[in-house]
Amino acid sequence: MQGLHLTADLHHCRCDAAWLTDAAQLGPWCVQAVRAAGLEPVKQLFHAAPATAHGPGGVSATVLLAGSHVCVHTWPAEKAVTLDVSVCTLDGDQPARARGLMQALIERFAPEWTEQRSLDRGDSE
């Protein structure tokens, strides 16, 4: 059992507001980004939350991969996004593909700053 789990918190995103609120726009783009990174999407689920007194609702986009998952959650009122990219193997170029996908996701939202973390999962034997 080995894998790589990447997370990023994006702050003060400067992208067009639709990327933070429109599941029909963000979801298919996420699937395209997964494929462009060389990973295999298996299933996907996209959900737009309703607006509240605090502002427009955010989007949750999840793409199940052949070897794990990608999750995107947006907070339009704060212009914030959380990202989660996980691959369940360190074989071949899976880690590089996961990192490439994370970079594409970050660039899509154009944050002023990010907090990123990387976790190696499982045994190294």
N, C-alpha and C. Protein backbone atom coordinates (compact mmCIF):
# COMPACT_ATOMS: atom_id res chain seq x y z
N MET A 1 0.85 -1.18 0.00
CA MET A 1 0.00 0.00 0.00
C MET A 1 0.89 1.24 0.00
N GLN A 2 0.93 1.90 -1.14
CA GLN A 2 1.67 3.14 -1.25
C GLN A 2 0.85 4.14 -2.02
N GLY A 3 1.08 5.41 -1.76
CA GLY A 3 0.38 6.43 -2.51
C GLY A 3 0.89 7.81 -2.17
N LEU A 4 0.36 8.76 -2.88
CA LEU A 4 0.71 10.16 -2.69
C LEU A 4 -0.58 10.95 -2.57
N HIS A 5 -0.67 11.78 -1.54
CA HIS A 5 -1.87 12.59 -1.29
C HIS A 5 -1.43 14.05 -1.23
N LEU A 6 -1.92 14.85 -2.17
CA LEU A 6 -1.58 16.27 -2.25
C LEU A 6 -2.80 17.10 -1.89
N THR A 7 -2.61 18.15 -1.12
CA THR A 7 -3.70 19.08 -0.82
C THR A 7 -3.21 20.51 -1.03
N ALA A 8 -4.16 21.38 -1.32
CA ALA A 8 -3.84 22.80 -1.45
C ALA A 8 -5.05 23.62 -1.02
N ASP A 9 -4.79 24.68 -0.27
CA ASP A 9 -5.80 25.67 0.08
C ASP A 9 -5.45 26.93 -0.70
N LEU A 10 -6.39 27.39 -1.52
CA LEU A 10 -6.14 28.55 -2.38
C LEU A 10 -6.87 29.76 -1.82
N HIS A 11 -6.18 30.87 -1.73
CA HIS A 11 -6.73 32.08 -1.13
C HIS A 11 -6.77 33.23 -2.12
N HIS A 12 -7.85 34.02 -2.05
CA HIS A 12 -8.01 35.21 -2.88
C HIS A 12 -7.86 34.87 -4.37
N CYS A 13 -8.66 33.91 -4.82
CA CYS A 13 -8.59 33.47 -6.22
C CYS A 13 -9.04 34.60 -7.14
N ARG A 14 -8.28 34.78 -8.21
CA ARG A 14 -8.53 35.88 -9.15
C ARG A 14 -9.16 35.40 -10.46
N CYS A 15 -9.63 34.17 -10.48
CA CYS A 15 -10.27 33.63 -11.68
C CYS A 15 -11.64 34.27 -11.89
N ASP A 16 -12.21 34.03 -13.05
CA ASP A 16 -13.58 34.48 -13.31
C ASP A 16 -14.50 33.82 -12.27
N ALA A 17 -15.47 34.55 -11.76
CA ALA A 17 -16.35 34.06 -10.70
C ALA A 17 -17.07 32.77 -11.06
N ALA A 18 -17.33 32.53 -12.33
CA ALA A 18 -18.04 31.31 -12.74
C ALA A 18 -17.27 30.04 -12.37
N TRP A 19 -15.95 30.10 -12.33
CA TRP A 19 -15.17 28.92 -11.94
C TRP A 19 -15.43 28.53 -10.48
N LEU A 20 -15.93 29.44 -9.69
CA LEU A 20 -16.21 29.19 -8.28
C LEU A 20 -17.67 28.83 -8.02
N THR A 21 -18.55 29.05 -9.01
CA THR A 21 -19.99 28.89 -8.78
C THR A 21 -20.71 27.97 -9.77
N ASP A 22 -20.12 27.69 -10.89
CA ASP A 22 -20.80 26.98 -11.97
C ASP A 22 -20.29 25.54 -12.10
N ALA A 23 -21.05 24.61 -11.53
CA ALA A 23 -20.65 23.19 -11.58
C ALA A 23 -20.60 22.67 -13.01
N ALA A 24 -21.49 23.16 -13.88
CA ALA A 24 -21.52 22.71 -15.27
C ALA A 24 -20.28 23.16 -16.04
N GLN A 25 -19.64 24.20 -15.59
CA GLN A 25 -18.39 24.66 -16.21
C GLN A 25 -17.18 23.98 -15.56
N LEU A 26 -17.15 23.98 -14.24
CA LEU A 26 -15.99 23.47 -13.52
C LEU A 26 -15.84 21.95 -13.65
N GLY A 27 -16.95 21.23 -13.52
CA GLY A 27 -16.87 19.77 -13.54
C GLY A 27 -16.21 19.19 -14.78
N PRO A 28 -16.73 19.48 -15.97
CA PRO A 28 -16.10 18.94 -17.18
C PRO A 28 -14.65 19.39 -17.35
N TRP A 29 -14.34 20.61 -16.93
CA TRP A 29 -12.96 21.06 -17.01
C TRP A 29 -12.06 20.19 -16.13
N CYS A 30 -12.54 19.82 -14.94
CA CYS A 30 -11.76 18.95 -14.05
C CYS A 30 -11.48 17.61 -14.71
N VAL A 31 -12.48 17.02 -15.36
CA VAL A 31 -12.28 15.75 -16.05
C VAL A 31 -11.25 15.90 -17.16
N GLN A 32 -11.33 17.00 -17.90
CA GLN A 32 -10.37 17.26 -18.97
C GLN A 32 -8.96 17.41 -18.39
N ALA A 33 -8.83 18.11 -17.26
CA ALA A 33 -7.52 18.30 -16.62
C ALA A 33 -6.95 16.97 -16.15
N VAL A 34 -7.81 16.10 -15.63
CA VAL A 34 -7.37 14.76 -15.21
C VAL A 34 -6.77 14.01 -16.40
N ARG A 35 -7.49 14.01 -17.50
CA ARG A 35 -7.02 13.32 -18.71
C ARG A 35 -5.72 13.94 -19.23
N ALA A 36 -5.66 15.27 -19.24
CA ALA A 36 -4.46 15.96 -19.72
C ALA A 36 -3.23 15.63 -18.88
N ALA A 37 -3.46 15.33 -17.61
CA ALA A 37 -2.35 14.95 -16.72
C ALA A 37 -1.94 13.49 -16.89
N GLY A 38 -2.69 12.75 -17.70
CA GLY A 38 -2.36 11.35 -17.94
C GLY A 38 -2.97 10.40 -16.93
N LEU A 39 -3.98 10.86 -16.20
CA LEU A 39 -4.69 10.01 -15.24
C LEU A 39 -6.02 9.59 -15.84
N GLU A 40 -6.61 8.54 -15.30
CA GLU A 40 -7.82 7.96 -15.89
C GLU A 40 -9.06 8.22 -15.04
N PRO A 41 -9.97 9.09 -15.52
CA PRO A 41 -11.23 9.30 -14.78
C PRO A 41 -12.15 8.09 -14.96
N VAL A 42 -12.82 7.70 -13.86
CA VAL A 42 -13.73 6.57 -13.90
C VAL A 42 -15.18 7.04 -13.73
N LYS A 43 -15.41 7.86 -12.75
CA LYS A 43 -16.73 8.44 -12.47
C LYS A 43 -16.53 9.87 -12.00
N GLN A 44 -17.60 10.66 -12.05
CA GLN A 44 -17.52 12.02 -11.55
C GLN A 44 -18.85 12.45 -10.97
N LEU A 45 -18.77 13.39 -10.05
CA LEU A 45 -19.96 13.96 -9.42
C LEU A 45 -19.69 15.44 -9.18
N PHE A 46 -20.63 16.28 -9.63
CA PHE A 46 -20.49 17.72 -9.49
C PHE A 46 -21.75 18.26 -8.83
N HIS A 47 -21.57 19.13 -7.84
CA HIS A 47 -22.70 19.65 -7.10
C HIS A 47 -22.51 21.14 -6.86
N ALA A 48 -23.55 21.92 -7.15
CA ALA A 48 -23.55 23.35 -6.85
C ALA A 48 -24.44 23.59 -5.64
N ALA A 49 -23.89 24.20 -4.61
CA ALA A 49 -24.66 24.52 -3.42
C ALA A 49 -25.52 25.76 -3.69
N PRO A 50 -26.66 25.85 -3.06
CA PRO A 50 -27.51 27.03 -3.26
C PRO A 50 -26.90 28.27 -2.61
N ALA A 51 -27.29 29.41 -3.13
CA ALA A 51 -26.84 30.68 -2.55
C ALA A 51 -27.41 30.83 -1.14
N THR A 52 -26.70 31.58 -0.32
CA THR A 52 -27.14 31.87 1.04
C THR A 52 -27.10 33.38 1.26
N ALA A 53 -27.40 33.80 2.46
CA ALA A 53 -27.32 35.22 2.79
C ALA A 53 -25.88 35.74 2.68
N HIS A 54 -24.90 34.83 2.72
CA HIS A 54 -23.49 35.21 2.64
C HIS A 54 -23.01 35.35 1.21
N GLY A 55 -23.82 34.90 0.24
CA GLY A 55 -23.41 35.03 -1.16
C GLY A 55 -23.72 33.78 -1.95
N PRO A 56 -23.15 33.69 -3.15
CA PRO A 56 -23.42 32.54 -4.02
C PRO A 56 -22.90 31.25 -3.42
N GLY A 57 -23.56 30.16 -3.79
CA GLY A 57 -23.13 28.84 -3.33
C GLY A 57 -21.89 28.38 -4.07
N GLY A 58 -21.14 27.54 -3.42
CA GLY A 58 -19.92 27.00 -4.02
C GLY A 58 -20.19 25.73 -4.79
N VAL A 59 -19.13 25.14 -5.27
CA VAL A 59 -19.19 23.92 -6.07
C VAL A 59 -18.31 22.86 -5.41
N SER A 60 -18.81 21.63 -5.42
CA SER A 60 -17.98 20.47 -5.07
C SER A 60 -17.88 19.62 -6.32
N ALA A 61 -16.66 19.33 -6.72
CA ALA A 61 -16.41 18.50 -7.89
C ALA A 61 -15.50 17.35 -7.47
N THR A 62 -15.96 16.14 -7.70
CA THR A 62 -15.19 14.95 -7.36
C THR A 62 -15.04 14.09 -8.60
N VAL A 63 -13.81 13.70 -8.89
CA VAL A 63 -13.53 12.79 -10.00
C VAL A 63 -12.85 11.57 -9.41
N LEU A 64 -13.52 10.43 -9.55
CA LEU A 64 -12.93 9.16 -9.12
C LEU A 64 -11.97 8.70 -10.20
N LEU A 65 -10.75 8.40 -9.80
CA LEU A 65 -9.74 7.95 -10.74
C LEU A 65 -9.61 6.44 -10.69
N ALA A 66 -9.02 5.87 -11.70
CA ALA A 66 -8.75 4.43 -11.68
C ALA A 66 -7.88 4.09 -10.48
N GLY A 67 -7.09 5.04 -10.01
CA GLY A 67 -6.23 4.80 -8.87
C GLY A 67 -6.38 5.80 -7.76
N SER A 68 -7.53 6.36 -7.53
CA SER A 68 -7.84 7.20 -6.37
C SER A 68 -8.82 8.31 -6.72
N HIS A 69 -8.48 9.61 -6.42
CA HIS A 69 -9.50 10.64 -6.57
C HIS A 69 -8.91 12.05 -6.69
N VAL A 70 -9.79 12.96 -7.15
CA VAL A 70 -9.54 14.39 -7.17
C VAL A 70 -10.79 15.06 -6.62
N CYS A 71 -10.63 15.99 -5.68
CA CYS A 71 -11.77 16.74 -5.14
C CYS A 71 -11.45 18.23 -5.15
N VAL A 72 -12.47 19.00 -5.55
CA VAL A 72 -12.36 20.46 -5.58
C VAL A 72 -13.58 21.01 -4.85
N HIS A 73 -13.36 21.92 -3.92
CA HIS A 73 -14.45 22.58 -3.20
C HIS A 73 -14.20 24.08 -3.25
N THR A 74 -15.23 24.83 -3.63
CA THR A 74 -15.06 26.29 -3.77
C THR A 74 -15.91 27.04 -2.75
N TRP A 75 -15.42 28.20 -2.33
CA TRP A 75 -16.11 29.12 -1.43
C TRP A 75 -16.10 30.48 -2.11
N PRO A 76 -17.10 30.76 -2.96
CA PRO A 76 -17.09 32.01 -3.74
C PRO A 76 -17.05 33.28 -2.89
N ALA A 77 -17.76 33.32 -1.79
CA ALA A 77 -17.79 34.54 -0.97
C ALA A 77 -16.39 34.89 -0.45
N GLU A 78 -15.57 33.87 -0.22
CA GLU A 78 -14.21 34.09 0.27
C GLU A 78 -13.17 34.05 -0.85
N LYS A 79 -13.62 33.74 -2.08
CA LYS A 79 -12.72 33.54 -3.22
C LYS A 79 -11.65 32.51 -2.85
N ALA A 80 -12.11 31.40 -2.27
CA ALA A 80 -11.22 30.36 -1.78
C ALA A 80 -11.59 29.01 -2.38
N VAL A 81 -10.60 28.13 -2.44
CA VAL A 81 -10.78 26.79 -3.01
C VAL A 81 -9.90 25.84 -2.22
N THR A 82 -10.41 24.62 -1.99
CA THR A 82 -9.56 23.55 -1.47
C THR A 82 -9.45 22.48 -2.54
N LEU A 83 -8.25 21.91 -2.66
CA LEU A 83 -7.97 20.88 -3.66
C LEU A 83 -7.39 19.66 -2.97
N ASP A 84 -7.71 18.51 -3.53
CA ASP A 84 -7.26 17.23 -2.99
C ASP A 84 -6.99 16.32 -4.19
N VAL A 85 -5.74 15.90 -4.36
CA VAL A 85 -5.36 14.98 -5.44
C VAL A 85 -4.65 13.80 -4.80
N SER A 86 -5.15 12.61 -5.07
CA SER A 86 -4.56 11.42 -4.47
C SER A 86 -4.37 10.34 -5.53
N VAL A 87 -3.21 9.70 -5.50
CA VAL A 87 -2.96 8.53 -6.35
C VAL A 87 -2.51 7.40 -5.44
N CYS A 88 -2.99 6.20 -5.74
CA CYS A 88 -2.77 5.05 -4.86
C CYS A 88 -1.58 4.20 -5.23
N THR A 89 -0.68 4.74 -6.02
CA THR A 89 0.52 3.99 -6.34
C THR A 89 1.65 4.97 -6.59
N LEU A 90 2.85 4.55 -6.27
CA LEU A 90 4.02 5.36 -6.57
C LEU A 90 4.77 4.78 -7.76
N ASP A 91 4.15 3.79 -8.43
CA ASP A 91 4.75 3.16 -9.60
C ASP A 91 4.81 4.14 -10.76
N GLY A 92 5.83 3.99 -11.58
CA GLY A 92 5.92 4.78 -12.79
C GLY A 92 5.90 6.27 -12.52
N ASP A 93 5.11 6.97 -13.32
CA ASP A 93 5.08 8.42 -13.21
C ASP A 93 3.80 8.93 -12.55
N GLN A 94 3.14 8.11 -11.77
CA GLN A 94 1.92 8.55 -11.08
C GLN A 94 2.15 9.78 -10.19
N PRO A 95 3.22 9.82 -9.39
CA PRO A 95 3.44 11.03 -8.58
C PRO A 95 3.61 12.29 -9.43
N ALA A 96 4.34 12.18 -10.52
CA ALA A 96 4.53 13.34 -11.40
C ALA A 96 3.21 13.76 -12.03
N ARG A 97 2.39 12.80 -12.40
CA ARG A 97 1.08 13.12 -12.97
C ARG A 97 0.19 13.82 -11.94
N ALA A 98 0.21 13.33 -10.71
CA ALA A 98 -0.58 13.95 -9.64
C ALA A 98 -0.12 15.39 -9.40
N ARG A 99 1.19 15.59 -9.37
CA ARG A 99 1.72 16.94 -9.16
C ARG A 99 1.37 17.86 -10.34
N GLY A 100 1.43 17.32 -11.55
CA GLY A 100 1.05 18.11 -12.73
C GLY A 100 -0.42 18.51 -12.69
N LEU A 101 -1.28 17.58 -12.27
CA LEU A 101 -2.70 17.88 -12.15
C LEU A 101 -2.92 18.95 -11.09
N MET A 102 -2.26 18.82 -9.95
CA MET A 102 -2.40 19.83 -8.89
C MET A 102 -2.00 21.20 -9.42
N GLN A 103 -0.90 21.27 -10.16
CA GLN A 103 -0.45 22.56 -10.69
C GLN A 103 -1.47 23.15 -11.66
N ALA A 104 -2.08 22.31 -12.50
CA ALA A 104 -3.11 22.78 -13.44
C ALA A 104 -4.33 23.32 -12.69
N LEU A 105 -4.72 22.62 -11.63
CA LEU A 105 -5.86 23.07 -10.83
C LEU A 105 -5.56 24.43 -10.18
N ILE A 106 -4.39 24.56 -9.60
CA ILE A 106 -4.02 25.82 -8.97
C ILE A 106 -4.03 26.95 -9.99
N GLU A 107 -3.45 26.72 -11.16
CA GLU A 107 -3.40 27.76 -12.18
C GLU A 107 -4.80 28.17 -12.64
N ARG A 108 -5.75 27.23 -12.69
CA ARG A 108 -7.12 27.54 -13.11
C ARG A 108 -7.74 28.62 -12.23
N PHE A 109 -7.46 28.57 -10.93
CA PHE A 109 -8.10 29.49 -9.98
C PHE A 109 -7.29 30.76 -9.72
N ALA A 110 -6.05 30.80 -10.15
CA ALA A 110 -5.19 31.99 -10.04
C ALA A 110 -5.22 32.61 -8.64
N PRO A 111 -4.85 31.84 -7.61
CA PRO A 111 -4.87 32.39 -6.25
C PRO A 111 -3.73 33.38 -6.02
N GLU A 112 -3.96 34.31 -5.10
CA GLU A 112 -2.88 35.19 -4.68
C GLU A 112 -1.83 34.40 -3.92
N TRP A 113 -2.29 33.43 -3.12
CA TRP A 113 -1.35 32.58 -2.40
C TRP A 113 -1.98 31.23 -2.09
N THR A 114 -1.13 30.24 -1.86
CA THR A 114 -1.60 28.88 -1.58
C THR A 114 -0.85 28.30 -0.39
N GLU A 115 -1.51 27.33 0.23
CA GLU A 115 -0.87 26.49 1.25
C GLU A 115 -0.96 25.07 0.71
N GLN A 116 0.20 24.45 0.46
CA GLN A 116 0.22 23.12 -0.11
C GLN A 116 0.87 22.12 0.85
N ARG A 117 0.36 20.90 0.78
CA ARG A 117 0.90 19.81 1.60
C ARG A 117 1.00 18.55 0.75
N SER A 118 1.96 17.72 1.11
CA SER A 118 2.18 16.45 0.41
C SER A 118 2.36 15.37 1.46
N LEU A 119 1.65 14.27 1.29
CA LEU A 119 1.73 13.16 2.24
C LEU A 119 2.02 11.88 1.48
N ASP A 120 3.13 11.23 1.82
CA ASP A 120 3.42 9.90 1.28
C ASP A 120 2.64 8.90 2.12
N ARG A 121 1.84 8.07 1.47
CA ARG A 121 0.99 7.13 2.20
C ARG A 121 1.56 5.73 2.15
N GLY A 122 1.38 4.98 3.22
CA GLY A 122 1.72 3.57 3.24
C GLY A 122 3.17 3.26 3.48
N ASP A 123 3.48 1.99 3.29
CA ASP A 123 4.83 1.46 3.51
C ASP A 123 5.75 1.77 2.35
N SER A 124 7.01 1.88 2.63
CA SER A 124 8.00 2.12 1.57
C SER A 124 8.65 0.83 1.11
N GLU A 125 8.21 -0.30 1.62
CA GLU A 125 8.80 -1.60 1.24
C GLU A 125 8.05 -2.24 0.12
